[in-house]
C-alpha atoms as a PDB file:
ATOM      1  CA  UNK A   1       7.389  12.931  -3.555  1.00  0.00           C
ATOM      2  CA  UNK A   2      10.381  10.613  -2.140  1.00  0.00           C
ATOM      3  CA  UNK A   3      14.083  11.641  -2.686  1.00  0.00           C
ATOM      4  CA  UNK A   4      15.887   8.338  -2.083  1.00  0.00           C
ATOM      5  CA  UNK A   5      15.546   4.893  -3.611  1.00  0.00           C
ATOM      6  CA  UNK A   6      13.665   1.787  -1.481  1.00  0.00           C
ATOM      7  CA  UNK A   7      15.048  -1.251  -1.713  1.00  0.00           C
ATOM      8  CA  UNK A   8      11.841  -3.442  -1.109  1.00  0.00           C
ATOM      9  CA  UNK A   9      11.921  -7.319  -1.102  1.00  0.00           C
ATOM     10  CA  UNK A  10       8.995  -9.735  -1.866  1.00  0.00           C
ATOM     11  CA  UNK A  11       8.958 -12.903  -0.016  1.00  0.00           C
ATOM     12  CA  UNK A  12       7.354 -15.239  -2.289  1.00  0.00           C
ATOM     13  CA  UNK A  13       7.220 -18.244   0.461  1.00  0.00           C
ATOM     14  CA  UNK A  14       5.280 -21.430   1.145  1.00  0.00           C
ATOM     15  CA  UNK A  15       2.725 -21.222   3.664  1.00  0.00           C
ATOM     16  CA  UNK A  16       2.104 -24.859   5.433  1.00  0.00           C
ATOM     17  CA  UNK A  17      -1.918 -24.370   6.285  1.00  0.00           C
ATOM     18  CA  UNK A  18      -2.400 -24.621  10.160  1.00  0.00           C
ATOM     19  CA  UNK A  19       1.696 -24.398  10.656  1.00  0.00           C
ATOM     20  CA  UNK A  20       1.704 -20.916  12.434  1.00  0.00           C
ATOM     21  CA  UNK A  21       4.954 -21.247  13.947  1.00  0.00           C
ATOM     22  CA  UNK A  22       6.393 -23.091  11.177  1.00  0.00           C
ATOM     23  CA  UNK A  23       5.352 -20.306   8.527  1.00  0.00           C
ATOM     24  CA  UNK A  24       6.857 -17.510  11.047  1.00  0.00           C
ATOM     25  CA  UNK A  25      10.355 -18.937  11.516  1.00  0.00           C
ATOM     26  CA  UNK A  26      10.543 -19.323   7.127  1.00  0.00           C
ATOM     27  CA  UNK A  27       9.129 -15.538   7.401  1.00  0.00           C
ATOM     28  CA  UNK A  28      12.213 -14.533   9.964  1.00  0.00           C
ATOM     29  CA  UNK A  29      15.029 -16.321   7.975  1.00  0.00           C
ATOM     30  CA  UNK A  30      13.795 -14.839   4.571  1.00  0.00           C
ATOM     31  CA  UNK A  31      13.419 -11.523   6.248  1.00  0.00           C
ATOM     32  CA  UNK A  32      17.191 -11.890   7.778  1.00  0.00           C
ATOM     33  CA  UNK A  33      18.233 -12.498   4.199  1.00  0.00           C
ATOM     34  CA  UNK A  34      16.442  -9.604   2.563  1.00  0.00           C
ATOM     35  CA  UNK A  35      17.944  -7.268   5.264  1.00  0.00           C
ATOM     36  CA  UNK A  36      21.555  -8.728   4.515  1.00  0.00           C
ATOM     37  CA  UNK A  37      20.627  -7.680   1.082  1.00  0.00           C
ATOM     38  CA  UNK A  38      20.003  -4.186   1.871  1.00  0.00           C
ATOM     39  CA  UNK A  39      15.983  -3.926   1.720  1.00  0.00           C
ATOM     40  CA  UNK A  40      14.099  -1.614   3.883  1.00  0.00           C
ATOM     41  CA  UNK A  41      10.772  -3.617   3.571  1.00  0.00           C
ATOM     42  CA  UNK A  42       9.854  -7.202   3.301  1.00  0.00           C
ATOM     43  CA  UNK A  43       6.212  -8.505   2.018  1.00  0.00           C
ATOM     44  CA  UNK A  44       4.637 -11.548   2.488  1.00  0.00           C
ATOM     45  CA  UNK A  45       1.565 -13.227   0.911  1.00  0.00           C
ATOM     46  CA  UNK A  46      -1.894 -13.209   1.603  1.00  0.00           C
ATOM     47  CA  UNK A  47      -2.773 -14.855   4.879  1.00  0.00           C
ATOM     48  CA  UNK A  48       0.617 -15.999   5.313  1.00  0.00           C
ATOM     49  CA  UNK A  49       0.854 -16.834   9.180  1.00  0.00           C
ATOM     50  CA  UNK A  50      -2.136 -19.510   8.675  1.00  0.00           C
ATOM     51  CA  UNK A  51      -1.685 -20.628   5.072  1.00  0.00           C
ATOM     52  CA  UNK A  52      -4.420 -20.053   2.490  1.00  0.00           C
ATOM     53  CA  UNK A  53      -6.655 -23.143   3.140  1.00  0.00           C
ATOM     54  CA  UNK A  54      -9.912 -22.094   4.478  1.00  0.00           C
ATOM     55  CA  UNK A  55     -11.396 -25.260   5.404  1.00  0.00           C
ATOM     56  CA  UNK A  56      -8.320 -25.728   7.779  1.00  0.00           C
ATOM     57  CA  UNK A  57      -8.542 -22.028   9.058  1.00  0.00           C
ATOM     58  CA  UNK A  58     -12.021 -22.682  10.192  1.00  0.00           C
ATOM     59  CA  UNK A  59     -10.924 -26.141  11.895  1.00  0.00           C
ATOM     60  CA  UNK A  60      -7.972 -24.749  13.631  1.00  0.00           C
ATOM     61  CA  UNK A  61      -8.991 -21.360  15.549  1.00  0.00           C
ATOM     62  CA  UNK A  62      -5.667 -21.294  16.919  1.00  0.00           C
ATOM     63  CA  UNK A  63      -4.326 -20.022  13.468  1.00  0.00           C
ATOM     64  CA  UNK A  64      -5.739 -16.953  14.327  1.00  0.00           C
ATOM     65  CA  UNK A  65      -3.914 -13.784  15.565  1.00  0.00           C
ATOM     66  CA  UNK A  66      -5.993 -11.942  18.128  1.00  0.00           C
ATOM     67  CA  UNK A  67      -6.100  -8.117  18.338  1.00  0.00           C
ATOM     68  CA  UNK A  68      -6.020  -6.265  21.336  1.00  0.00           C
ATOM     69  CA  UNK A  69      -8.664  -3.477  22.403  1.00  0.00           C
ATOM     70  CA  UNK A  70      -5.549  -1.068  21.968  1.00  0.00           C
ATOM     71  CA  UNK A  71      -5.006  -1.765  18.129  1.00  0.00           C
ATOM     72  CA  UNK A  72      -2.020  -4.105  19.083  1.00  0.00           C
ATOM     73  CA  UNK A  73      -1.000  -7.548  18.626  1.00  0.00           C
ATOM     74  CA  UNK A  74       0.972  -9.432  21.374  1.00  0.00           C
ATOM     75  CA  UNK A  75       0.876 -12.964  20.026  1.00  0.00           C
ATOM     76  CA  UNK A  76       4.155 -14.461  21.123  1.00  0.00           C
ATOM     77  CA  UNK A  77       4.157 -16.687  18.105  1.00  0.00           C
ATOM     78  CA  UNK A  78       5.393 -13.816  16.326  1.00  0.00           C
ATOM     79  CA  UNK A  79       8.594 -13.181  17.791  1.00  0.00           C
ATOM     80  CA  UNK A  80      11.019 -14.743  15.600  1.00  0.00           C
ATOM     81  CA  UNK A  81       9.624 -12.246  12.809  1.00  0.00           C
ATOM     82  CA  UNK A  82       9.635  -9.303  15.604  1.00  0.00           C
ATOM     83  CA  UNK A  83      13.285 -10.161  16.777  1.00  0.00           C
ATOM     84  CA  UNK A  84      14.459 -10.017  12.931  1.00  0.00           C
ATOM     85  CA  UNK A  85      12.704  -6.958  12.082  1.00  0.00           C
ATOM     86  CA  UNK A  86      13.990  -5.102  15.501  1.00  0.00           C
ATOM     87  CA  UNK A  87      17.467  -6.903  14.640  1.00  0.00           C
ATOM     88  CA  UNK A  88      17.720  -5.574  11.234  1.00  0.00           C
ATOM     89  CA  UNK A  89      15.718  -2.273  11.305  1.00  0.00           C
ATOM     90  CA  UNK A  90      13.489  -3.909   8.835  1.00  0.00           C
ATOM     91  CA  UNK A  91       9.682  -3.354   8.208  1.00  0.00           C
ATOM     92  CA  UNK A  92       7.923  -6.529   7.373  1.00  0.00           C
ATOM     93  CA  UNK A  93       4.392  -6.833   6.281  1.00  0.00           C
ATOM     94  CA  UNK A  94       2.787 -10.489   6.684  1.00  0.00           C
ATOM     95  CA  UNK A  95      -0.843 -11.732   5.724  1.00  0.00           C
ATOM     96  CA  UNK A  96      -2.955 -13.057   8.633  1.00  0.00           C
ATOM     97  CA  UNK A  97      -6.374 -14.116  10.021  1.00  0.00           C
ATOM     98  CA  UNK A  98      -6.873 -11.713  12.516  1.00  0.00           C
ATOM     99  CA  UNK A  99      -9.276 -11.566  15.608  1.00  0.00           C
ATOM    100  CA  UNK A 100     -10.964  -8.242  16.186  1.00  0.00           C
ATOM    101  CA  UNK A 101     -12.060  -7.433  19.762  1.00  0.00           C
ATOM    102  CA  UNK A 102     -15.883  -6.996  18.707  1.00  0.00           C
ATOM    103  CA  UNK A 103     -15.564 -10.910  17.219  1.00  0.00           C
ATOM    104  CA  UNK A 104     -14.891 -10.276  13.755  1.00  0.00           C
ATOM    105  CA  UNK A 105     -12.462 -12.268  11.785  1.00  0.00           C
ATOM    106  CA  UNK A 106     -10.525 -10.261   9.004  1.00  0.00           C
ATOM    107  CA  UNK A 107      -8.187 -11.208   6.210  1.00  0.00           C
ATOM    108  CA  UNK A 108      -5.553  -8.561   7.201  1.00  0.00           C
ATOM    109  CA  UNK A 109      -1.877  -7.284   6.604  1.00  0.00           C
ATOM    110  CA  UNK A 110       0.195  -7.081   9.761  1.00  0.00           C
ATOM    111  CA  UNK A 111       2.813  -4.339  10.132  1.00  0.00           C
ATOM    112  CA  UNK A 112       5.922  -5.791  12.006  1.00  0.00           C
ATOM    113  CA  UNK A 113       7.556  -2.523  12.769  1.00  0.00           C
ATOM    114  CA  UNK A 114      11.550  -2.115  13.670  1.00  0.00           C
ATOM    115  CA  UNK A 115      10.230  -0.803  17.174  1.00  0.00           C
ATOM    116  CA  UNK A 116       8.597  -4.180  17.712  1.00  0.00           C
ATOM    117  CA  UNK A 117       5.273  -3.195  17.712  1.00  0.00           C
ATOM    118  CA  UNK A 118       2.782  -5.431  15.552  1.00  0.00           C
ATOM    119  CA  UNK A 119      -0.195  -3.714  14.588  1.00  0.00           C
ATOM    120  CA  UNK A 120      -2.977  -4.314  11.566  1.00  0.00           C
ATOM    121  CA  UNK A 121      -1.892  -2.107   8.836  1.00  0.00           C
ATOM    122  CA  UNK A 122      -4.761  -3.032   6.110  1.00  0.00           C
ATOM    123  CA  UNK A 123      -7.782  -5.457   6.299  1.00  0.00           C
ATOM    124  CA  UNK A 124      -9.250  -6.994   3.052  1.00  0.00           C
ATOM    125  CA  UNK A 125     -11.862  -5.080   1.532  1.00  0.00           C
ATOM    126  CA  UNK A 126     -13.564  -6.965  -1.398  1.00  0.00           C
ATOM    127  CA  UNK A 127     -13.687 -10.619  -0.330  1.00  0.00           C
ATOM    128  CA  UNK A 128     -13.488 -13.263  -2.712  1.00  0.00           C
ATOM    129  CA  UNK A 129     -16.562 -14.612  -3.238  1.00  0.00           C
ATOM    130  CA  UNK A 130     -19.111 -16.440  -0.758  1.00  0.00           C
ATOM    131  CA  UNK A 131     -16.003 -18.879   0.520  1.00  0.00           C
ATOM    132  CA  UNK A 132     -14.228 -15.787   1.788  1.00  0.00           C
ATOM    133  CA  UNK A 133     -17.306 -13.805   3.023  1.00  0.00           C
ATOM    134  CA  UNK A 134     -18.296 -16.940   4.998  1.00  0.00           C
ATOM    135  CA  UNK A 135     -15.479 -16.608   7.086  1.00  0.00           C
ATOM    136  CA  UNK A 136     -14.119 -12.643   7.479  1.00  0.00           C
ATOM    137  CA  UNK A 137     -15.693  -9.495   7.442  1.00  0.00           C
ATOM    138  CA  UNK A 138     -14.783  -7.013   4.835  1.00  0.00           C
ATOM    139  CA  UNK A 139     -12.388  -4.480   5.549  1.00  0.00           C
ATOM    140  CA  UNK A 140     -11.724  -0.865   4.852  1.00  0.00           C
ATOM    141  CA  UNK A 141     -10.829   0.895   1.598  1.00  0.00           C
ATOM    142  CA  UNK A 142      -7.216   1.742   0.049  1.00  0.00           C
ATOM    143  CA  UNK A 143      -6.534   5.307   1.656  1.00  0.00           C
ATOM    144  CA  UNK A 144      -4.419   4.108   5.058  1.00  0.00           C
ATOM    145  CA  UNK A 145      -0.643   4.271   3.844  1.00  0.00           C
ATOM    146  CA  UNK A 146       2.660   3.106   5.142  1.00  0.00           C
ATOM    147  CA  UNK A 147       5.578   5.362   5.278  1.00  0.00           C
ATOM    148  CA  UNK A 148       8.896   4.364   4.933  1.00  0.00           C
ATOM    149  CA  UNK A 149      11.988   6.485   4.157  1.00  0.00           C
ATOM    150  CA  UNK A 150       9.815   8.935   2.576  1.00  0.00           C
ATOM    151  CA  UNK A 151       7.450   6.676   0.096  1.00  0.00           C
ATOM    152  CA  UNK A 152       3.937   6.177   0.739  1.00  0.00           C
ATOM    153  CA  UNK A 153       2.791   2.385   0.477  1.00  0.00           C
ATOM    154  CA  UNK A 154      -0.920   1.635  -0.271  1.00  0.00           C
ATOM    155  CA  UNK A 155      -1.829  -1.742   0.636  1.00  0.00           C
ATOM    156  CA  UNK A 156      -4.194  -4.397  -0.979  1.00  0.00           C
ATOM    157  CA  UNK A 157      -4.719  -8.231  -0.312  1.00  0.00           C
ATOM    158  CA  UNK A 158      -5.424 -10.593  -3.416  1.00  0.00           C
ATOM    159  CA  UNK A 159      -9.069  -9.973  -5.065  1.00  0.00           C
ATOM    160  CA  UNK A 160      -8.875  -6.112  -3.997  1.00  0.00           C
ATOM    161  CA  UNK A 161      -6.694  -5.558  -7.034  1.00  0.00           C
ATOM    162  CA  UNK A 162      -9.017  -6.472  -9.258  1.00  0.00           C
ATOM    163  CA  UNK A 163     -11.093  -2.902  -8.880  1.00  0.00           C
ATOM    164  CA  UNK A 164      -9.206  -0.136 -10.351  1.00  0.00           C
ATOM    165  CA  UNK A 165     -10.839   2.100  -8.228  1.00  0.00           C
ATOM    166  CA  UNK A 166      -9.268   0.571  -4.756  1.00  0.00           C
ATOM    167  CA  UNK A 167      -5.578   1.636  -6.163  1.00  0.00           C
ATOM    168  CA  UNK A 168      -6.790   4.947  -7.701  1.00  0.00           C
ATOM    169  CA  UNK A 169      -7.817   5.632  -3.968  1.00  0.00           C
ATOM    170  CA  UNK A 170      -4.242   5.108  -2.609  1.00  0.00           C
ATOM    171  CA  UNK A 171      -3.019   7.006  -5.361  1.00  0.00           C
ATOM    172  CA  UNK A 172      -4.967   9.948  -4.860  1.00  0.00           C
ATOM    173  CA  UNK A 173      -4.053   9.423  -1.352  1.00  0.00           C
ATOM    174  CA  UNK A 174      -0.414   9.871  -1.907  1.00  0.00           C
ATOM    175  CA  UNK A 175       0.489   6.740  -2.360  1.00  0.00           C
ATOM    176  CA  UNK A 176       3.865   5.897  -4.463  1.00  0.00           C
ATOM    177  CA  UNK A 177       3.703   2.216  -4.535  1.00  0.00           C
ATOM    178  CA  UNK A 178       0.607  -0.244  -4.505  1.00  0.00           C
ATOM    179  CA  UNK A 179       1.400  -3.480  -2.758  1.00  0.00           C
ATOM    180  CA  UNK A 180      -0.717  -6.301  -3.230  1.00  0.00           C
ATOM    181  CA  UNK A 181      -0.137  -9.494  -0.658  1.00  0.00           C
ATOM    182  CA  UNK A 182      -1.690 -12.239  -2.634  1.00  0.00           C
ATOM    183  CA  UNK A 183      -2.706 -16.129  -2.380  1.00  0.00           C
ATOM    184  CA  UNK A 184      -3.559 -16.527  -6.293  1.00  0.00           C
ATOM    185  CA  UNK A 185      -3.947 -20.064  -7.136  1.00  0.00           C
ATOM    186  CA  UNK A 186      -2.112 -22.007  -9.979  1.00  0.00           C
ATOM    187  CA  UNK A 187      -3.691 -21.083 -13.261  1.00  0.00           C
ATOM    188  CA  UNK A 188      -5.304 -17.750 -12.111  1.00  0.00           C
ATOM    189  CA  UNK A 189      -1.719 -15.555 -11.955  1.00  0.00           C
ATOM    190  CA  UNK A 190      -2.349 -14.581 -15.498  1.00  0.00           C
ATOM    191  CA  UNK A 191      -4.981 -12.343 -14.401  1.00  0.00           C
ATOM    192  CA  UNK A 192      -2.706 -10.713 -11.875  1.00  0.00           C
ATOM    193  CA  UNK A 193      -0.367  -9.997 -14.688  1.00  0.00           C
ATOM    194  CA  UNK A 194      -3.049  -7.859 -16.470  1.00  0.00           C
ATOM    195  CA  UNK A 195      -4.333  -6.106 -13.118  1.00  0.00           C
ATOM    196  CA  UNK A 196      -0.831  -5.442 -11.769  1.00  0.00           C
ATOM    197  CA  UNK A 197       0.698  -3.437 -14.634  1.00  0.00           C
ATOM    198  CA  UNK A 198      -2.845  -1.687 -14.999  1.00  0.00           C
ATOM    199  CA  UNK A 199      -2.843  -0.439 -11.703  1.00  0.00           C
ATOM    200  CA  UNK A 200       0.772   0.834 -12.206  1.00  0.00           C
ATOM    201  CA  UNK A 201       0.354   2.669 -15.321  1.00  0.00           C
ATOM    202  CA  UNK A 202      -3.085   4.324 -14.608  1.00  0.00           C
ATOM    203  CA  UNK A 203      -1.800   5.830 -11.297  1.00  0.00           C
ATOM    204  CA  UNK A 204       1.733   6.244 -12.687  1.00  0.00           C
ATOM    205  CA  UNK A 205       2.994   4.416  -9.457  1.00  0.00           C
ATOM    206  CA  UNK A 206       4.962   1.277  -8.953  1.00  0.00           C
ATOM    207  CA  UNK A 207       2.722  -1.787  -8.279  1.00  0.00           C
ATOM    208  CA  UNK A 208       4.067  -5.052  -6.167  1.00  0.00           C
ATOM    209  CA  UNK A 209       2.695  -8.225  -6.710  1.00  0.00           C
ATOM    210  CA  UNK A 210       3.608 -10.701  -3.634  1.00  0.00           C
ATOM    211  CA  UNK A 211       2.182 -13.999  -4.273  1.00  0.00           C
ATOM    212  CA  UNK A 212       2.554 -17.232  -2.300  1.00  0.00           C
ATOM    213  CA  UNK A 213       3.468 -20.123  -3.642  1.00  0.00           C
ATOM    214  CA  UNK A 214       2.397 -23.871  -2.966  1.00  0.00           C
ATOM    215  CA  UNK A 215       0.465 -24.777   0.363  1.00  0.00           C
ATOM    216  CA  UNK A 216      -2.515 -26.554   0.395  1.00  0.00           C
ATOM    217  CA  UNK A 217      -2.350 -29.347  -2.301  1.00  0.00           C
ATOM    218  CA  UNK A 218      -6.046 -28.822  -3.055  1.00  0.00           C
ATOM    219  CA  UNK A 219      -5.388 -25.280  -3.714  1.00  0.00           C
ATOM    220  CA  UNK A 220      -1.840 -24.449  -4.739  1.00  0.00           C
ATOM    221  CA  UNK A 221      -0.444 -21.051  -5.022  1.00  0.00           C
ATOM    222  CA  UNK A 222       0.996 -19.919  -8.025  1.00  0.00           C
ATOM    223  CA  UNK A 223       4.151 -17.543  -7.167  1.00  0.00           C
ATOM    224  CA  UNK A 224       5.069 -15.820 -10.372  1.00  0.00           C
ATOM    225  CA  UNK A 225       5.377 -12.245  -8.117  1.00  0.00           C
ATOM    226  CA  UNK A 226       6.406  -9.382  -9.619  1.00  0.00           C
ATOM    227  CA  UNK A 227       6.878  -5.587  -9.515  1.00  0.00           C
ATOM    228  CA  UNK A 228       6.050  -2.893 -12.105  1.00  0.00           C
ATOM    229  CA  UNK A 229       7.479   0.595 -12.994  1.00  0.00           C
ATOM    230  CA  UNK A 230       4.891   3.524 -13.123  1.00  0.00           C
ATOM    231  CA  UNK A 231       4.704   2.717 -16.869  1.00  0.00           C
ATOM    232  CA  UNK A 232       3.348  -0.719 -16.309  1.00  0.00           C
ATOM    233  CA  UNK A 233       6.627  -2.425 -17.719  1.00  0.00           C
ATOM    234  CA  UNK A 234       7.790  -5.419 -15.397  1.00  0.00           C
ATOM    235  CA  UNK A 235      10.722  -4.427 -13.445  1.00  0.00           C
ATOM    236  CA  UNK A 236      11.540  -7.706 -11.827  1.00  0.00           C
ATOM    237  CA  UNK A 237       9.446 -11.083 -11.420  1.00  0.00           C
ATOM    238  CA  UNK A 238      10.077 -14.372  -9.713  1.00  0.00           C
ATOM    239  CA  UNK A 239       9.539 -18.155 -10.884  1.00  0.00           C
ATOM    240  CA  UNK A 240       6.613 -19.916 -10.600  1.00  0.00           C
ATOM    241  CA  UNK A 241       6.067 -23.057  -7.882  1.00  0.00           C
ATOM    242  CA  UNK A 242       9.380 -22.082  -6.062  1.00  0.00           C
ATOM    243  CA  UNK A 243      10.371 -20.053  -2.885  1.00  0.00           C
ATOM    244  CA  UNK A 244      12.165 -16.792  -4.096  1.00  0.00           C
ATOM    245  CA  UNK A 245      13.086 -13.606  -2.663  1.00  0.00           C
ATOM    246  CA  UNK A 246      12.590 -11.082  -5.051  1.00  0.00           C
ATOM    247  CA  UNK A 247      14.435  -7.490  -4.254  1.00  0.00           C
ATOM    248  CA  UNK A 248      13.815  -4.495  -6.176  1.00  0.00           C
ATOM    249  CA  UNK A 249      14.619  -0.772  -5.904  1.00  0.00           C
ATOM    250  CA  UNK A 250      12.292   1.420  -6.384  1.00  0.00           C
ATOM    251  CA  UNK A 251      13.400   4.945  -7.866  1.00  0.00           C
ATOM    252  CA  UNK A 252      12.288   8.619  -7.056  1.00  0.00           C
ATOM    253  CA  UNK A 253      12.794   9.741 -11.234  1.00  0.00           C
ATOM    254  CA  UNK A 254      10.517   6.987 -12.302  1.00  0.00           C
ATOM    255  CA  UNK A 255       7.446   8.474 -10.752  1.00  0.00           C
ATOM    256  CA  UNK A 256       8.476  12.106 -11.693  1.00  0.00           C
ATOM    257  CA  UNK A 257       9.064  10.764 -15.250  1.00  0.00           C
ATOM    258  CA  UNK A 258       6.172   8.931 -15.480  1.00  0.00           C
ATOM    259  CA  UNK A 259       4.089  11.688 -14.265  1.00  0.00           C
ATOM    260  CA  UNK A 260       5.660  14.417 -16.586  1.00  0.00           C
ATOM    261  CA  UNK A 261       4.202  12.212 -19.626  1.00  0.00           C
ATOM    262  CA  UNK A 262       0.977  10.679 -18.060  1.00  0.00           C
ATOM    263  CA  UNK A 263      -1.548  13.095 -16.346  1.00  0.00           C
ATOM    264  CA  UNK A 264      -3.933  10.682 -15.557  1.00  0.00           C
ATOM    265  CA  UNK A 265      -3.612  10.945 -11.692  1.00  0.00           C
ATOM    266  CA  UNK A 266      -3.458  14.565 -11.924  1.00  0.00           C
ATOM    267  CA  UNK A 267      -6.516  15.063 -13.755  1.00  0.00           C
ATOM    268  CA  UNK A 268      -8.425  12.537 -11.779  1.00  0.00           C
ATOM    269  CA  UNK A 269      -7.605  14.485  -8.727  1.00  0.00           C
ATOM    270  CA  UNK A 270      -8.691  17.888 -10.422  1.00  0.00           C
ATOM    271  CA  UNK A 271     -11.682  16.052 -11.267  1.00  0.00           C
ATOM    272  CA  UNK A 272     -12.416  15.647  -7.695  1.00  0.00           C
ATOM    273  CA  UNK A 273     -11.273  19.021  -6.369  1.00  0.00           C
ATOM    274  CA  UNK A 274      -7.993  17.555  -4.858  1.00  0.00           C
ATOM    275  CA  UNK A 275      -5.873  19.909  -7.019  1.00  0.00           C
ATOM    276  CA  UNK A 276      -6.470  23.251  -8.728  1.00  0.00           C
ATOM    277  CA  UNK A 277      -6.697  22.566 -12.593  1.00  0.00           C
ATOM    278  CA  UNK A 278      -3.221  22.924 -14.462  1.00  0.00           C
ATOM    279  CA  UNK A 279      -1.534  21.213 -11.178  1.00  0.00           C
ATOM    280  CA  UNK A 280      -0.294  17.976 -11.426  1.00  0.00           C
ATOM    281  CA  UNK A 281       1.185  15.770  -8.137  1.00  0.00           C
END
């Protein structure tokens, strides 16, 4: 269990389809401001680097980010964001279309570390119907966690949040926070407002909805990013349709208080043999 609070920033930003350089500059600017306000981690939306516009992505291979054989990303176009992460000591997570060495294209979350290293932190497991499946290869589940300041973050991308077992796997693996980078279209944000508090409540963890705004004229993203407590209560919310920096403090006592009253996570862990009967995380 974490012992100190974690200040997290959701960077609700517009990603212009095909404008990777401009999107990265915007991400760097917002990361700098988040760090100025004390954030330790900054989360950007799904496919933020290239923008969520699949026809443009197909027509613009240069919007992809290559992954090398060692599992690292060395694309110089990420330099502005890398520079801000290293300058401020902030961990950044950003959505990107990543081309693996085996040729597969994945919908990924890049981890931009304060050390300057860039790696793939997560790849989207549940692809949105045929339109994404035609382009991307599915990723793995939600068991791989990101550690920062004693907090463990389970990662997800957009449609992943629709599957309770996905967040459940992260929680059973020790996640304290479920972070979902998204590109929910205008009109669909109401579903995220149901899924994300439910994922928080049923797992007694924080949940973070990091949505894009604007973007493609044919498919504008809805904004409305939000953070929910382990009781599923809204903690912070961004407006719709505008750029917004949503900064929230995650508090360890909220985890312990929720788990002292709600035992669903511990009982699931017992059912799976991860904990002895009567023990709770």
